[in-house]
Amino acid sequence: MAEAAARLGHGFARPELLQEALTHPSVAGRPHNQRLEFLGDRVLGLVIAEALIGQDAEAEEGQLAPRLNALVRKETCAEVAAEIGLGTALRMGRSEMLTGGRRKTALLGDAMEAVIAAVYLDGGLEAARGVILRHWAGRIAAVRAQPPDAKTALQEWAQARGLKPPVYADLNRTGPDHAPVFLVEVRLEDGSSAQGEAASKRAAQQAAAEVLLARLEAAA
């Protein structure tokens, strides 16, 4: 726990908050991190939104929203958690441990959000802002230059033609718990559709959107 706090860059006056943030619900009889995860998600969104507004005074809401989504999504939180090494500090039940829980994107992402909430409750918004900006700084700087992701680009394509937003449907999940593979289909109002596979639902949605965009551009 002390090593995790040091890597995080926050000294806890109430270390029990960090302990709760790093406890998965599979640990029976102890306070776990689901409530903190709920709060941390909101604190992260606020701080990142403020940073994006300050970074680009001319950006419209339509430009800021996909940047925000990219920075607060579960996969990004999991990446930061892995960089800090939160996986080694996570407390979880035996079944989760045996199925690779310390490497699971969902568990790492949840833990990162919970840790942000723990910092917020322990030191206030300024402390949480400091931690977030320290670990997200490079991503915030880079996101402005990134092209829209495939899901955003497909939605913009549909809107430009007066169509409803794309609809994503989960078709299948295969593989073990520690290495799942999701199959997702995306469909447009005009009947166009495509499928994508990946290790997370979000990534599978992106893959499906990329396939459909490529088909639509080739047919144009």
C-alpha atoms as a PDB file:
ATOM      1  CA  MET A   1       0.000   0.000   0.000  1.00  0.00           C
ATOM      2  CA  ALA A   2       2.802   2.415   0.882  1.00  0.00           C
ATOM      3  CA  GLU A   3       4.533   1.718  -2.427  1.00  0.00           C
ATOM      4  CA  ALA A   4       1.288   2.272  -4.319  1.00  0.00           C
ATOM      5  CA  ALA A   5       0.767   5.605  -2.545  1.00  0.00           C
ATOM      6  CA  ALA A   6       4.337   6.651  -3.341  1.00  0.00           C
ATOM      7  CA  ARG A   7       3.937   5.829  -7.033  1.00  0.00           C
ATOM      8  CA  LEU A   8       0.621   7.633  -7.038  1.00  0.00           C
ATOM      9  CA  GLY A   9       2.210  10.740  -5.553  1.00  0.00           C
ATOM     10  CA  HIS A  10      -0.145  11.307  -2.633  1.00  0.00           C
ATOM     11  CA  GLY A  11       0.515  10.784   1.057  1.00  0.00           C
ATOM     12  CA  PHE A  12      -2.673   9.530   2.694  1.00  0.00           C
ATOM     13  CA  ALA A  13      -3.759  10.946   6.035  1.00  0.00           C
ATOM     14  CA  ARG A  14      -6.402   8.204   6.004  1.00  0.00           C
ATOM     15  CA  PRO A  15      -4.697   5.133   4.504  1.00  0.00           C
ATOM     16  CA  GLU A  16      -7.841   3.089   5.016  1.00  0.00           C
ATOM     17  CA  LEU A  17      -9.293   4.932   2.006  1.00  0.00           C
ATOM     18  CA  LEU A  18      -6.527   3.619  -0.229  1.00  0.00           C
ATOM     19  CA  GLN A  19      -7.005   0.152   1.234  1.00  0.00           C
ATOM     20  CA  GLU A  20     -10.710   0.267   0.367  1.00  0.00           C
ATOM     21  CA  ALA A  21      -9.966   1.589  -3.131  1.00  0.00           C
ATOM     22  CA  LEU A  22      -7.672  -1.361  -3.810  1.00  0.00           C
ATOM     23  CA  THR A  23     -10.087  -4.013  -2.497  1.00  0.00           C
ATOM     24  CA  HIS A  24     -12.128  -5.859  -5.114  1.00  0.00           C
ATOM     25  CA  PRO A  25     -15.718  -6.927  -4.276  1.00  0.00           C
ATOM     26  CA  SER A  26     -14.596 -10.572  -4.455  1.00  0.00           C
ATOM     27  CA  VAL A  27     -12.926 -10.116  -1.030  1.00  0.00           C
ATOM     28  CA  ALA A  28     -15.610 -11.092   1.468  1.00  0.00           C
ATOM     29  CA  GLY A  29     -16.182  -9.224   4.693  1.00  0.00           C
ATOM     30  CA  ARG A  30     -14.240  -6.077   3.819  1.00  0.00           C
ATOM     31  CA  PRO A  31     -15.278  -2.672   2.424  1.00  0.00           C
ATOM     32  CA  HIS A  32     -14.667  -2.788  -1.332  1.00  0.00           C
ATOM     33  CA  ASN A  33     -14.123  -0.223  -4.050  1.00  0.00           C
ATOM     34  CA  GLN A  34     -17.408  -0.046  -5.981  1.00  0.00           C
ATOM     35  CA  ARG A  35     -18.744   3.069  -4.268  1.00  0.00           C
ATOM     36  CA  LEU A  36     -15.379   4.791  -4.575  1.00  0.00           C
ATOM     37  CA  GLU A  37     -15.252   3.823  -8.250  1.00  0.00           C
ATOM     38  CA  PHE A  38     -18.588   5.616  -8.774  1.00  0.00           C
ATOM     39  CA  LEU A  39     -17.242   8.802  -7.197  1.00  0.00           C
ATOM     40  CA  GLY A  40     -13.826   8.629  -8.819  1.00  0.00           C
ATOM     41  CA  ASP A  41     -15.323   8.409 -12.292  1.00  0.00           C
ATOM     42  CA  ARG A  42     -17.072  11.766 -11.704  1.00  0.00           C
ATOM     43  CA  VAL A  43     -13.993  13.439 -10.209  1.00  0.00           C
ATOM     44  CA  LEU A  44     -11.855  12.261 -13.120  1.00  0.00           C
ATOM     45  CA  GLY A  45     -14.399  13.536 -15.638  1.00  0.00           C
ATOM     46  CA  LEU A  46     -14.522  16.975 -14.016  1.00  0.00           C
ATOM     47  CA  VAL A  47     -10.751  17.402 -13.854  1.00  0.00           C
ATOM     48  CA  ILE A  48     -10.186  16.189 -17.410  1.00  0.00           C
ATOM     49  CA  ALA A  49     -13.007  18.387 -18.740  1.00  0.00           C
ATOM     50  CA  GLU A  50     -11.428  21.418 -17.038  1.00  0.00           C
ATOM     51  CA  ALA A  51      -8.042  20.534 -18.501  1.00  0.00           C
ATOM     52  CA  LEU A  52      -9.430  20.176 -22.013  1.00  0.00           C
ATOM     53  CA  ILE A  53     -11.252  23.506 -21.810  1.00  0.00           C
ATOM     54  CA  GLY A  54      -8.053  25.177 -20.648  1.00  0.00           C
ATOM     55  CA  GLN A  55      -5.973  23.458 -23.304  1.00  0.00           C
ATOM     56  CA  ASP A  56      -8.034  24.585 -26.305  1.00  0.00           C
ATOM     57  CA  ALA A  57     -10.064  27.766 -25.906  1.00  0.00           C
ATOM     58  CA  GLU A  58     -11.515  27.476 -29.424  1.00  0.00           C
ATOM     59  CA  ALA A  59     -12.664  23.845 -29.371  1.00  0.00           C
ATOM     60  CA  GLU A  60     -16.395  23.221 -29.730  1.00  0.00           C
ATOM     61  CA  GLU A  61     -18.339  20.694 -27.665  1.00  0.00           C
ATOM     62  CA  GLY A  62     -18.295  18.264 -30.581  1.00  0.00           C
ATOM     63  CA  GLN A  63     -14.487  18.292 -30.512  1.00  0.00           C
ATOM     64  CA  LEU A  64     -14.132  18.183 -26.737  1.00  0.00           C
ATOM     65  CA  ALA A  65     -16.526  15.288 -26.107  1.00  0.00           C
ATOM     66  CA  PRO A  66     -14.550  12.579 -27.957  1.00  0.00           C
ATOM     67  CA  ARG A  67     -11.320  13.817 -26.347  1.00  0.00           C
ATOM     68  CA  LEU A  68     -12.924  13.524 -22.923  1.00  0.00           C
ATOM     69  CA  ASN A  69     -14.259  10.057 -23.703  1.00  0.00           C
ATOM     70  CA  ALA A  70     -10.817   8.889 -24.818  1.00  0.00           C
ATOM     71  CA  LEU A  71      -9.182  10.136 -21.636  1.00  0.00           C
ATOM     72  CA  VAL A  72     -11.693   8.817 -19.073  1.00  0.00           C
ATOM     73  CA  ARG A  73     -12.616   5.479 -20.631  1.00  0.00           C
ATOM     74  CA  LYS A  74     -11.916   2.289 -18.699  1.00  0.00           C
ATOM     75  CA  GLU A  75      -9.026   1.261 -20.938  1.00  0.00           C
ATOM     76  CA  THR A  76      -7.184   4.533 -20.321  1.00  0.00           C
ATOM     77  CA  CYS A  77      -7.722   4.255 -16.565  1.00  0.00           C
ATOM     78  CA  ALA A  78      -6.370   0.698 -16.727  1.00  0.00           C
ATOM     79  CA  GLU A  79      -3.286   1.871 -18.627  1.00  0.00           C
ATOM     80  CA  VAL A  80      -2.545   4.462 -15.950  1.00  0.00           C
ATOM     81  CA  ALA A  81      -3.161   1.892 -13.210  1.00  0.00           C
ATOM     82  CA  ALA A  82      -0.676  -0.475 -14.888  1.00  0.00           C
ATOM     83  CA  GLU A  83       1.921   2.295 -15.156  1.00  0.00           C
ATOM     84  CA  ILE A  84       1.572   3.019 -11.445  1.00  0.00           C
ATOM     85  CA  GLY A  85       1.646  -0.692 -10.641  1.00  0.00           C
ATOM     86  CA  LEU A  86      -1.737  -0.835  -8.916  1.00  0.00           C
ATOM     87  CA  GLY A  87      -2.259  -4.418 -10.047  1.00  0.00           C
ATOM     88  CA  THR A  88       0.308  -5.720  -7.570  1.00  0.00           C
ATOM     89  CA  ALA A  89      -1.457  -3.910  -4.699  1.00  0.00           C
ATOM     90  CA  LEU A  90      -4.986  -5.074  -5.522  1.00  0.00           C
ATOM     91  CA  ARG A  91      -6.765  -7.248  -2.954  1.00  0.00           C
ATOM     92  CA  MET A  92      -9.062  -9.803  -4.557  1.00  0.00           C
ATOM     93  CA  GLY A  93     -10.619 -13.182  -3.982  1.00  0.00           C
ATOM     94  CA  ARG A  94      -8.842 -16.381  -4.934  1.00  0.00           C
ATOM     95  CA  SER A  95     -10.993 -17.007  -8.007  1.00  0.00           C
ATOM     96  CA  GLU A  96     -10.208 -13.574  -9.439  1.00  0.00           C
ATOM     97  CA  MET A  97      -6.521 -14.040  -8.685  1.00  0.00           C
ATOM     98  CA  LEU A  98      -6.429 -17.407 -10.452  1.00  0.00           C
ATOM     99  CA  THR A  99      -8.079 -15.971 -13.568  1.00  0.00           C
ATOM    100  CA  GLY A 100      -5.551 -13.158 -13.975  1.00  0.00           C
ATOM    101  CA  GLY A 101      -7.501 -10.464 -12.155  1.00  0.00           C
ATOM    102  CA  ARG A 102      -4.432  -8.292 -11.608  1.00  0.00           C
ATOM    103  CA  ARG A 103      -4.150  -7.849 -15.383  1.00  0.00           C
ATOM    104  CA  LYS A 104      -7.834  -7.432 -16.256  1.00  0.00           C
ATOM    105  CA  THR A 105      -8.668  -4.107 -17.866  1.00  0.00           C
ATOM    106  CA  ALA A 106     -11.987  -3.783 -16.033  1.00  0.00           C
ATOM    107  CA  LEU A 107     -10.489  -4.438 -12.599  1.00  0.00           C
ATOM    108  CA  LEU A 108      -7.526  -2.114 -13.142  1.00  0.00           C
ATOM    109  CA  GLY A 109      -9.765   0.628 -14.528  1.00  0.00           C
ATOM    110  CA  ASP A 110     -12.172   0.329 -11.617  1.00  0.00           C
ATOM    111  CA  ALA A 111      -9.304   0.429  -9.139  1.00  0.00           C
ATOM    112  CA  MET A 112      -7.832   3.558 -10.726  1.00  0.00           C
ATOM    113  CA  GLU A 113     -11.176   5.371 -10.496  1.00  0.00           C
ATOM    114  CA  ALA A 114     -11.562   4.232  -6.879  1.00  0.00           C
ATOM    115  CA  VAL A 115      -8.068   5.458  -6.011  1.00  0.00           C
ATOM    116  CA  ILE A 116      -8.891   8.878  -7.476  1.00  0.00           C
ATOM    117  CA  ALA A 117     -11.944   9.004  -5.204  1.00  0.00           C
ATOM    118  CA  ALA A 118      -9.805   7.986  -2.247  1.00  0.00           C
ATOM    119  CA  VAL A 119      -7.408  10.856  -2.945  1.00  0.00           C
ATOM    120  CA  TYR A 120     -10.350  13.234  -3.311  1.00  0.00           C
ATOM    121  CA  LEU A 121     -11.875  12.178   0.020  1.00  0.00           C
ATOM    122  CA  ASP A 122      -8.507  12.263   1.748  1.00  0.00           C
ATOM    123  CA  GLY A 123      -7.131  15.539   0.409  1.00  0.00           C
ATOM    124  CA  GLY A 124      -9.885  17.337  -1.482  1.00  0.00           C
ATOM    125  CA  LEU A 125     -10.288  18.321  -5.110  1.00  0.00           C
ATOM    126  CA  GLU A 126      -6.876  19.982  -5.424  1.00  0.00           C
ATOM    127  CA  ALA A 127      -5.137  16.800  -4.301  1.00  0.00           C
ATOM    128  CA  ALA A 128      -7.173  14.731  -6.759  1.00  0.00           C
ATOM    129  CA  ARG A 129      -6.502  17.237  -9.533  1.00  0.00           C
ATOM    130  CA  GLY A 130      -2.778  17.031  -8.860  1.00  0.00           C
ATOM    131  CA  VAL A 131      -2.730  13.247  -9.063  1.00  0.00           C
ATOM    132  CA  ILE A 132      -4.848  13.145 -12.211  1.00  0.00           C
ATOM    133  CA  LEU A 133      -2.890  15.807 -14.079  1.00  0.00           C
ATOM    134  CA  ARG A 134       0.406  14.182 -13.080  1.00  0.00           C
ATOM    135  CA  HIS A 135      -0.551  10.822 -14.537  1.00  0.00           C
ATOM    136  CA  TRP A 136      -2.692  12.002 -17.455  1.00  0.00           C
ATOM    137  CA  ALA A 137      -0.521  14.945 -18.590  1.00  0.00           C
ATOM    138  CA  GLY A 138       0.999  13.219 -21.610  1.00  0.00           C
ATOM    139  CA  ARG A 139      -2.342  11.877 -22.744  1.00  0.00           C
ATOM    140  CA  ILE A 140      -4.023  15.271 -22.391  1.00  0.00           C
ATOM    141  CA  ALA A 141      -1.273  16.871 -24.472  1.00  0.00           C
ATOM    142  CA  ALA A 142      -1.527  14.206 -27.175  1.00  0.00           C
ATOM    143  CA  VAL A 143      -5.298  13.892 -27.472  1.00  0.00           C
ATOM    144  CA  ARG A 144      -5.738  17.236 -29.266  1.00  0.00           C
ATOM    145  CA  ALA A 145      -3.676  16.018 -32.207  1.00  0.00           C
ATOM    146  CA  GLN A 146      -5.344  12.632 -32.472  1.00  0.00           C
ATOM    147  CA  PRO A 147      -7.861  12.058 -35.270  1.00  0.00           C
ATOM    148  CA  PRO A 148     -11.403  11.059 -34.249  1.00  0.00           C
ATOM    149  CA  ASP A 149     -11.713   7.412 -33.270  1.00  0.00           C
ATOM    150  CA  ALA A 150     -13.657   5.091 -35.541  1.00  0.00           C
ATOM    151  CA  LYS A 151     -16.879   5.195 -33.491  1.00  0.00           C
ATOM    152  CA  THR A 152     -16.885   8.995 -33.486  1.00  0.00           C
ATOM    153  CA  ALA A 153     -16.055   9.176 -37.192  1.00  0.00           C
ATOM    154  CA  LEU A 154     -18.862   6.728 -38.033  1.00  0.00           C
ATOM    155  CA  GLN A 155     -21.359   8.694 -35.948  1.00  0.00           C
ATOM    156  CA  GLU A 156     -20.324  11.922 -37.686  1.00  0.00           C
ATOM    157  CA  TRP A 157     -20.683  10.176 -41.079  1.00  0.00           C
ATOM    158  CA  ALA A 158     -24.223   9.096 -40.193  1.00  0.00           C
ATOM    159  CA  GLN A 159     -25.236  12.505 -38.830  1.00  0.00           C
ATOM    160  CA  ALA A 160     -23.948  14.263 -41.941  1.00  0.00           C
ATOM    161  CA  ARG A 161     -26.362  12.160 -44.005  1.00  0.00           C
ATOM    162  CA  GLY A 162     -29.353  12.616 -41.730  1.00  0.00           C
ATOM    163  CA  LEU A 163     -29.186   9.088 -40.291  1.00  0.00           C
ATOM    164  CA  LYS A 164     -29.674   8.050 -36.673  1.00  0.00           C
ATOM    165  CA  PRO A 165     -26.538   7.223 -34.644  1.00  0.00           C
ATOM    166  CA  PRO A 166     -25.036   3.753 -35.189  1.00  0.00           C
ATOM    167  CA  VAL A 167     -26.372   0.933 -33.024  1.00  0.00           C
ATOM    168  CA  TYR A 168     -23.978  -1.620 -31.503  1.00  0.00           C
ATOM    169  CA  ALA A 169     -25.065  -5.133 -30.544  1.00  0.00           C
ATOM    170  CA  ASP A 170     -23.101  -7.753 -28.595  1.00  0.00           C
ATOM    171  CA  LEU A 171     -23.182 -10.974 -30.618  1.00  0.00           C
ATOM    172  CA  ASN A 172     -20.904 -13.338 -28.747  1.00  0.00           C
ATOM    173  CA  ARG A 173     -18.210 -13.773 -26.101  1.00  0.00           C
ATOM    174  CA  THR A 174     -15.651 -16.557 -26.178  1.00  0.00           C
ATOM    175  CA  GLY A 175     -12.430 -17.418 -24.390  1.00  0.00           C
ATOM    176  CA  PRO A 176     -11.557 -17.699 -20.687  1.00  0.00           C
ATOM    177  CA  ASP A 177     -12.367 -14.960 -18.173  1.00  0.00           C
ATOM    178  CA  HIS A 178      -8.808 -13.647 -18.167  1.00  0.00           C
ATOM    179  CA  ALA A 179      -8.630 -13.443 -21.986  1.00  0.00           C
ATOM    180  CA  PRO A 180     -12.142 -12.916 -23.391  1.00  0.00           C
ATOM    181  CA  VAL A 181     -12.939 -12.219 -27.031  1.00  0.00           C
ATOM    182  CA  PHE A 182     -16.033 -10.145 -27.820  1.00  0.00           C
ATOM    183  CA  LEU A 183     -17.877 -10.130 -31.139  1.00  0.00           C
ATOM    184  CA  VAL A 184     -19.884  -6.952 -31.791  1.00  0.00           C
ATOM    185  CA  GLU A 185     -21.993  -5.786 -34.730  1.00  0.00           C
ATOM    186  CA  VAL A 186     -22.590  -2.172 -35.715  1.00  0.00           C
ATOM    187  CA  ARG A 187     -25.591  -1.258 -37.850  1.00  0.00           C
ATOM    188  CA  LEU A 188     -26.759   1.962 -39.480  1.00  0.00           C
ATOM    189  CA  GLU A 189     -30.314   3.041 -40.173  1.00  0.00           C
ATOM    190  CA  ASP A 190     -29.811   2.397 -43.910  1.00  0.00           C
ATOM    191  CA  GLY A 191     -29.045  -1.276 -43.221  1.00  0.00           C
ATOM    192  CA  SER A 192     -25.254  -1.083 -43.524  1.00  0.00           C
ATOM    193  CA  SER A 193     -23.512  -3.252 -40.953  1.00  0.00           C
ATOM    194  CA  ALA A 194     -20.179  -4.775 -39.982  1.00  0.00           C
ATOM    195  CA  GLN A 195     -18.698  -6.904 -37.220  1.00  0.00           C
ATOM    196  CA  GLY A 196     -15.575  -6.611 -35.106  1.00  0.00           C
ATOM    197  CA  GLU A 197     -13.716  -8.777 -32.582  1.00  0.00           C
ATOM    198  CA  ALA A 198     -11.450  -7.689 -29.721  1.00  0.00           C
ATOM    199  CA  ALA A 199     -10.527  -8.339 -26.112  1.00  0.00           C
ATOM    200  CA  SER A 200     -13.032  -5.778 -24.777  1.00  0.00           C
ATOM    201  CA  LYS A 201     -16.492  -4.653 -25.856  1.00  0.00           C
ATOM    202  CA  ARG A 202     -15.286  -1.113 -26.508  1.00  0.00           C
ATOM    203  CA  ALA A 203     -12.394  -2.296 -28.651  1.00  0.00           C
ATOM    204  CA  ALA A 204     -14.719  -4.643 -30.557  1.00  0.00           C
ATOM    205  CA  GLN A 205     -17.071  -1.728 -31.211  1.00  0.00           C
ATOM    206  CA  GLN A 206     -14.147   0.290 -32.523  1.00  0.00           C
ATOM    207  CA  ALA A 207     -13.095  -2.596 -34.750  1.00  0.00           C
ATOM    208  CA  ALA A 208     -16.608  -2.967 -36.160  1.00  0.00           C
ATOM    209  CA  ALA A 209     -16.828   0.784 -36.797  1.00  0.00           C
ATOM    210  CA  GLU A 210     -13.468   0.718 -38.603  1.00  0.00           C
ATOM    211  CA  VAL A 211     -14.635  -2.087 -40.891  1.00  0.00           C
ATOM    212  CA  LEU A 212     -17.897  -0.335 -41.728  1.00  0.00           C
ATOM    213  CA  LEU A 213     -16.180   3.017 -42.321  1.00  0.00           C
ATOM    214  CA  ALA A 214     -13.738   1.381 -44.717  1.00  0.00           C
ATOM    215  CA  ARG A 215     -16.616  -0.178 -46.664  1.00  0.00           C
ATOM    216  CA  LEU A 216     -18.554   3.082 -46.822  1.00  0.00           C
ATOM    217  CA  GLU A 217     -15.497   5.027 -47.985  1.00  0.00           C
ATOM    218  CA  ALA A 218     -14.708   2.406 -50.617  1.00  0.00           C
ATOM    219  CA  ALA A 219     -18.280   2.588 -51.939  1.00  0.00           C
ATOM    220  CA  ALA A 220     -18.321   6.410 -52.076  1.00  0.00           C
END
